[in-house]
């Protein structure tokens, strides 16, 4: 099991509310659902009942104890490295279309010949 999945599960177990847990973690709600699905697949049982009210199943309570132990024993996450500045220079796109002047043909349209 990935440590990040266990952290997300522990946050959900504390909140017992999917949208609030996702907001607290700063991740999309769909990512939280996917993480819980992957954990349930690894465990082989449902760890949380998704019907209101959201509750932990007996397997979920056991997993929560294990998750808390693993999170406590894990080293702190490494700080994220900032991407180096610079990069590819972009070509100038110009000023856009010429302004339309009343009475004049539109500069980007060709006149229809007869």
N, C-alpha and C. Protein backbone atom coordinates (compact mmCIF):
# COMPACT_ATOMS: atom_id res chain seq x y z
N UNK A 1 0.83 -1.19 0.00
CA UNK A 1 0.00 0.00 0.00
C UNK A 1 0.87 1.24 0.00
N UNK A 2 0.45 2.21 -0.76
CA UNK A 2 1.19 3.46 -0.82
C UNK A 2 0.86 4.31 0.40
N UNK A 3 1.88 5.00 0.89
CA UNK A 3 1.71 5.84 2.07
C UNK A 3 0.73 6.98 1.79
N UNK A 4 0.76 7.52 0.59
CA UNK A 4 -0.16 8.61 0.25
C UNK A 4 -1.61 8.13 0.30
N UNK A 5 -1.86 6.90 -0.14
CA UNK A 5 -3.21 6.35 -0.08
C UNK A 5 -3.66 6.21 1.37
N UNK A 6 -2.75 5.79 2.24
CA UNK A 6 -3.10 5.65 3.65
C UNK A 6 -3.37 7.01 4.28
N UNK A 7 -2.61 8.03 3.89
CA UNK A 7 -2.87 9.38 4.41
C UNK A 7 -4.25 9.88 3.99
N UNK A 8 -4.60 9.63 2.75
CA UNK A 8 -5.91 10.05 2.26
C UNK A 8 -7.03 9.30 2.98
N UNK A 9 -6.82 8.00 3.20
CA UNK A 9 -7.82 7.21 3.90
C UNK A 9 -7.98 7.69 5.34
N UNK A 10 -6.88 8.00 6.00
CA UNK A 10 -6.94 8.48 7.39
C UNK A 10 -7.69 9.82 7.46
N UNK A 11 -7.45 10.70 6.50
CA UNK A 11 -8.16 11.98 6.48
C UNK A 11 -9.65 11.77 6.26
N UNK A 12 -10.00 10.84 5.39
CA UNK A 12 -11.41 10.53 5.15
C UNK A 12 -12.05 9.90 6.38
N UNK A 13 -11.31 9.05 7.07
CA UNK A 13 -11.84 8.39 8.26
C UNK A 13 -12.10 9.41 9.38
N UNK A 14 -11.31 10.47 9.44
CA UNK A 14 -11.52 11.51 10.45
C UNK A 14 -12.75 12.36 10.11
N UNK A 15 -12.90 12.69 8.82
CA UNK A 15 -14.01 13.56 8.39
C UNK A 15 -15.32 12.79 8.23
N UNK A 16 -15.22 11.56 7.69
CA UNK A 16 -16.39 10.76 7.30
C UNK A 16 -17.31 11.52 6.35
N UNK A 17 -16.67 12.31 5.47
CA UNK A 17 -17.40 13.07 4.47
C UNK A 17 -16.45 13.27 3.29
N UNK A 18 -16.78 12.70 2.15
CA UNK A 18 -15.87 12.71 1.01
C UNK A 18 -15.51 14.13 0.54
N UNK A 19 -16.48 15.01 0.28
CA UNK A 19 -16.10 16.35 -0.22
C UNK A 19 -15.25 17.14 0.76
N UNK A 20 -15.56 17.09 2.05
CA UNK A 20 -14.76 17.84 3.02
C UNK A 20 -13.35 17.27 3.13
N UNK A 21 -13.23 15.94 3.08
CA UNK A 21 -11.90 15.32 3.16
C UNK A 21 -11.07 15.70 1.93
N UNK A 22 -11.68 15.70 0.76
CA UNK A 22 -10.96 16.07 -0.46
C UNK A 22 -10.51 17.53 -0.39
N UNK A 23 -11.37 18.39 0.14
CA UNK A 23 -11.01 19.80 0.26
C UNK A 23 -9.87 19.99 1.26
N UNK A 24 -9.93 19.25 2.37
CA UNK A 24 -8.88 19.34 3.38
C UNK A 24 -7.53 18.87 2.82
N UNK A 25 -7.56 17.82 1.99
CA UNK A 25 -6.34 17.29 1.40
C UNK A 25 -5.86 18.14 0.22
N UNK A 26 -6.76 18.93 -0.35
CA UNK A 26 -6.39 19.76 -1.50
C UNK A 26 -6.31 18.95 -2.78
N UNK A 27 -7.18 17.94 -2.90
CA UNK A 27 -7.19 17.09 -4.10
C UNK A 27 -8.60 17.07 -4.66
N UNK A 28 -8.75 16.69 -5.93
CA UNK A 28 -10.10 16.57 -6.50
C UNK A 28 -10.86 15.41 -5.84
N UNK A 29 -12.16 15.53 -5.80
CA UNK A 29 -13.01 14.51 -5.19
C UNK A 29 -12.85 13.17 -5.91
N UNK A 30 -12.72 13.20 -7.22
CA UNK A 30 -12.57 11.96 -7.99
C UNK A 30 -11.28 11.22 -7.61
N UNK A 31 -10.22 11.96 -7.29
CA UNK A 31 -8.97 11.32 -6.88
C UNK A 31 -9.15 10.60 -5.55
N UNK A 32 -9.93 11.18 -4.65
CA UNK A 32 -10.18 10.53 -3.36
C UNK A 32 -10.97 9.26 -3.56
N UNK A 33 -11.99 9.31 -4.41
CA UNK A 33 -12.77 8.10 -4.70
C UNK A 33 -11.88 7.02 -5.31
N UNK A 34 -11.02 7.39 -6.24
CA UNK A 34 -10.12 6.43 -6.89
C UNK A 34 -9.17 5.81 -5.87
N UNK A 35 -8.65 6.62 -4.96
CA UNK A 35 -7.73 6.12 -3.94
C UNK A 35 -8.42 5.11 -3.05
N UNK A 36 -9.64 5.40 -2.62
CA UNK A 36 -10.37 4.48 -1.76
C UNK A 36 -10.69 3.19 -2.52
N UNK A 37 -11.04 3.31 -3.80
CA UNK A 37 -11.29 2.11 -4.61
C UNK A 37 -10.04 1.24 -4.68
N UNK A 38 -8.87 1.84 -4.87
CA UNK A 38 -7.63 1.07 -4.95
C UNK A 38 -7.32 0.40 -3.61
N UNK A 39 -7.55 1.11 -2.50
CA UNK A 39 -7.33 0.51 -1.18
C UNK A 39 -8.27 -0.67 -0.96
N UNK A 40 -9.53 -0.51 -1.33
CA UNK A 40 -10.49 -1.61 -1.17
C UNK A 40 -10.11 -2.81 -2.02
N UNK A 41 -9.55 -2.54 -3.20
CA UNK A 41 -9.10 -3.63 -4.07
C UNK A 41 -7.93 -4.37 -3.43
N UNK A 42 -7.00 -3.63 -2.82
CA UNK A 42 -5.85 -4.26 -2.17
C UNK A 42 -6.26 -5.05 -0.93
N UNK A 43 -7.18 -4.48 -0.15
CA UNK A 43 -7.63 -5.14 1.08
C UNK A 43 -8.52 -6.32 0.74
N UNK A 44 -9.31 -6.19 -0.30
CA UNK A 44 -10.22 -7.27 -0.68
C UNK A 44 -11.59 -7.13 -0.06
N UNK A 45 -11.82 -6.06 0.69
CA UNK A 45 -13.11 -5.81 1.33
C UNK A 45 -13.40 -4.32 1.27
N UNK A 46 -14.65 -3.99 1.50
CA UNK A 46 -15.04 -2.59 1.56
C UNK A 46 -14.54 -2.02 2.88
N UNK A 47 -13.89 -0.86 2.84
CA UNK A 47 -13.35 -0.25 4.06
C UNK A 47 -14.22 0.90 4.55
N UNK A 48 -15.14 1.38 3.70
CA UNK A 48 -16.01 2.48 4.10
C UNK A 48 -17.35 2.31 3.39
N UNK A 49 -18.43 2.55 4.12
CA UNK A 49 -19.74 2.48 3.49
C UNK A 49 -20.03 3.85 2.88
N UNK A 50 -20.38 3.86 1.63
CA UNK A 50 -20.55 5.13 0.92
C UNK A 50 -21.98 5.65 0.99
N UNK A 51 -22.89 4.86 1.53
CA UNK A 51 -24.26 5.34 1.66
C UNK A 51 -24.37 6.19 2.91
N UNK A 52 -25.12 7.28 2.83
CA UNK A 52 -25.22 8.16 4.01
C UNK A 52 -25.88 7.43 5.17
N UNK A 53 -25.43 7.57 6.38
CA UNK A 53 -24.24 8.29 6.80
C UNK A 53 -22.98 7.48 6.51
N UNK A 54 -21.93 8.13 6.07
CA UNK A 54 -20.66 7.47 5.76
C UNK A 54 -20.04 6.94 7.05
N UNK A 55 -19.72 5.64 7.06
CA UNK A 55 -19.13 5.02 8.24
C UNK A 55 -18.03 4.06 7.83
N UNK A 56 -17.10 3.80 8.76
CA UNK A 56 -16.07 2.81 8.52
C UNK A 56 -16.65 1.42 8.76
N UNK A 57 -16.25 0.48 7.92
CA UNK A 57 -16.63 -0.91 8.14
C UNK A 57 -15.64 -1.50 9.15
N UNK A 58 -15.90 -2.70 9.66
CA UNK A 58 -14.91 -3.31 10.58
C UNK A 58 -13.52 -3.44 9.94
N UNK A 59 -13.47 -3.78 8.66
CA UNK A 59 -12.18 -3.86 7.97
C UNK A 59 -11.56 -2.46 7.88
N UNK A 60 -12.38 -1.43 7.73
CA UNK A 60 -11.89 -0.07 7.66
C UNK A 60 -11.29 0.39 8.98
N UNK A 61 -11.89 -0.04 10.10
CA UNK A 61 -11.34 0.33 11.41
C UNK A 61 -9.97 -0.31 11.62
N UNK A 62 -9.84 -1.57 11.21
CA UNK A 62 -8.53 -2.24 11.32
C UNK A 62 -7.50 -1.56 10.42
N UNK A 63 -7.92 -1.21 9.21
CA UNK A 63 -7.01 -0.53 8.28
C UNK A 63 -6.61 0.84 8.81
N UNK A 64 -7.53 1.53 9.49
CA UNK A 64 -7.23 2.84 10.03
C UNK A 64 -6.15 2.74 11.11
N UNK A 65 -6.22 1.73 11.97
CA UNK A 65 -5.17 1.53 12.98
C UNK A 65 -3.83 1.28 12.32
N UNK A 66 -3.83 0.41 11.32
CA UNK A 66 -2.59 0.10 10.59
C UNK A 66 -2.06 1.35 9.87
N UNK A 67 -2.96 2.12 9.27
CA UNK A 67 -2.56 3.32 8.53
C UNK A 67 -1.92 4.34 9.47
N UNK A 68 -2.50 4.52 10.65
CA UNK A 68 -1.94 5.48 11.60
C UNK A 68 -0.54 5.07 12.05
N UNK A 69 -0.34 3.76 12.25
CA UNK A 69 0.99 3.28 12.65
C UNK A 69 2.01 3.51 11.53
N UNK A 70 1.62 3.20 10.30
CA UNK A 70 2.55 3.38 9.17
C UNK A 70 2.86 4.84 8.91
N UNK A 71 1.86 5.70 9.05
CA UNK A 71 2.08 7.13 8.84
C UNK A 71 3.01 7.68 9.90
N UNK A 72 2.83 7.24 11.15
CA UNK A 72 3.68 7.72 12.24
C UNK A 72 5.12 7.24 12.08
N UNK A 73 5.31 6.03 11.58
CA UNK A 73 6.66 5.46 11.42
C UNK A 73 7.37 5.96 10.18
N UNK A 74 6.64 6.52 9.23
CA UNK A 74 7.24 6.94 7.95
C UNK A 74 8.05 8.22 8.13
N UNK A 75 9.10 8.37 7.34
CA UNK A 75 9.86 9.62 7.37
C UNK A 75 9.02 10.75 6.79
N UNK A 76 9.30 11.99 7.17
CA UNK A 76 8.52 13.10 6.61
C UNK A 76 8.73 13.19 5.10
N UNK A 77 7.72 13.66 4.39
CA UNK A 77 7.87 13.76 2.93
C UNK A 77 8.95 14.76 2.54
N UNK A 78 9.65 14.45 1.47
CA UNK A 78 10.70 15.34 0.98
C UNK A 78 10.07 16.61 0.42
N UNK A 79 10.72 17.75 0.61
CA UNK A 79 10.15 18.99 0.05
C UNK A 79 10.16 18.93 -1.47
N UNK A 80 9.13 19.50 -2.06
CA UNK A 80 9.04 19.51 -3.52
C UNK A 80 10.07 20.47 -4.08
N UNK A 81 10.75 20.03 -5.14
CA UNK A 81 11.76 20.87 -5.76
C UNK A 81 11.09 21.79 -6.76
N UNK A 82 11.56 23.02 -6.77
CA UNK A 82 11.02 24.01 -7.69
C UNK A 82 11.63 23.78 -9.07
N UNK A 83 10.80 23.86 -10.09
CA UNK A 83 11.28 23.68 -11.46
C UNK A 83 12.20 24.84 -11.82
N UNK A 84 13.26 24.57 -12.58
CA UNK A 84 14.16 25.65 -12.97
C UNK A 84 13.44 26.64 -13.88
N UNK A 85 13.83 27.90 -13.76
CA UNK A 85 13.21 28.94 -14.57
C UNK A 85 13.69 28.89 -16.00
N UNK A 86 13.15 29.73 -16.80
CA UNK A 86 13.56 29.78 -18.21
C UNK A 86 12.66 28.89 -19.04
N UNK A 87 13.20 28.39 -20.11
CA UNK A 87 12.42 27.54 -20.98
C UNK A 87 12.47 28.04 -22.40
N UNK A 88 11.60 27.50 -23.19
CA UNK A 88 11.57 27.83 -24.60
C UNK A 88 10.94 29.20 -24.82
N UNK A 89 11.58 30.02 -25.62
CA UNK A 89 11.02 31.33 -25.94
C UNK A 89 9.89 31.17 -26.94
N UNK A 90 8.85 31.95 -26.76
CA UNK A 90 7.71 31.85 -27.65
C UNK A 90 7.76 32.97 -28.67
N UNK A 91 7.37 32.65 -29.89
CA UNK A 91 7.36 33.65 -30.95
C UNK A 91 6.21 34.61 -30.74
N UNK A 92 6.40 35.83 -31.16
CA UNK A 92 5.36 36.83 -31.03
C UNK A 92 4.24 36.51 -32.01
N UNK A 93 3.02 36.64 -31.52
CA UNK A 93 1.87 36.33 -32.38
C UNK A 93 1.33 37.58 -33.05
N UNK A 94 1.91 38.72 -32.80
CA UNK A 94 1.42 39.94 -33.41
C UNK A 94 0.33 40.56 -32.55
N UNK A 95 -0.42 41.48 -33.11
CA UNK A 95 -1.42 42.23 -32.36
C UNK A 95 -2.83 41.70 -32.57
N UNK A 96 -2.99 40.62 -33.27
CA UNK A 96 -4.34 40.12 -33.54
C UNK A 96 -4.87 40.69 -34.83
N UNK A 97 -6.17 40.62 -34.98
CA UNK A 97 -6.79 41.13 -36.20
C UNK A 97 -6.81 42.65 -36.23
N UNK A 98 -6.82 43.17 -37.44
CA UNK A 98 -6.92 44.62 -37.59
C UNK A 98 -8.34 45.05 -37.20
N UNK A 99 -8.50 46.24 -36.67
CA UNK A 99 -9.83 46.69 -36.27
C UNK A 99 -10.74 46.89 -37.47
N UNK A 100 -12.01 46.68 -37.26
CA UNK A 100 -12.98 46.85 -38.35
C UNK A 100 -13.39 48.32 -38.42
N UNK A 101 -13.30 48.87 -39.64
CA UNK A 101 -13.67 50.26 -39.85
C UNK A 101 -14.98 50.28 -40.62
N UNK A 102 -15.93 51.08 -40.14
CA UNK A 102 -17.25 51.13 -40.76
C UNK A 102 -17.13 51.59 -42.21
N UNK A 103 -17.78 50.87 -43.09
CA UNK A 103 -17.77 51.23 -44.50
C UNK A 103 -16.67 50.57 -45.29
N UNK A 104 -15.72 49.97 -44.64
CA UNK A 104 -14.61 49.31 -45.33
C UNK A 104 -14.86 47.79 -45.32
N UNK A 105 -14.32 47.10 -46.32
CA UNK A 105 -14.46 45.64 -46.28
C UNK A 105 -13.66 45.07 -45.10
N UNK A 106 -14.13 43.97 -44.58
CA UNK A 106 -13.44 43.36 -43.45
C UNK A 106 -12.06 42.89 -43.90
N UNK A 107 -11.02 43.21 -43.14
CA UNK A 107 -9.66 42.93 -43.59
C UNK A 107 -9.33 41.44 -43.66
N UNK A 108 -10.06 40.63 -42.96
CA UNK A 108 -9.74 39.20 -42.95
C UNK A 108 -10.66 38.40 -43.84
N UNK A 109 -11.56 39.08 -44.56
CA UNK A 109 -12.46 38.37 -45.48
C UNK A 109 -12.19 38.85 -46.90
N UNK A 110 -12.21 37.91 -47.80
CA UNK A 110 -12.03 38.28 -49.20
C UNK A 110 -13.38 38.65 -49.77
N UNK A 111 -13.36 39.61 -50.69
CA UNK A 111 -14.61 40.00 -51.33
C UNK A 111 -14.99 38.97 -52.37
N UNK A 112 -16.27 38.77 -52.46
CA UNK A 112 -16.74 37.78 -53.42
C UNK A 112 -16.73 38.36 -54.82
N UNK A 113 -16.11 37.63 -55.73
CA UNK A 113 -16.09 38.08 -57.12
C UNK A 113 -17.35 37.64 -57.84
N UNK A 114 -17.63 38.30 -58.98
CA UNK A 114 -18.83 37.91 -59.73
C UNK A 114 -18.50 37.06 -60.88
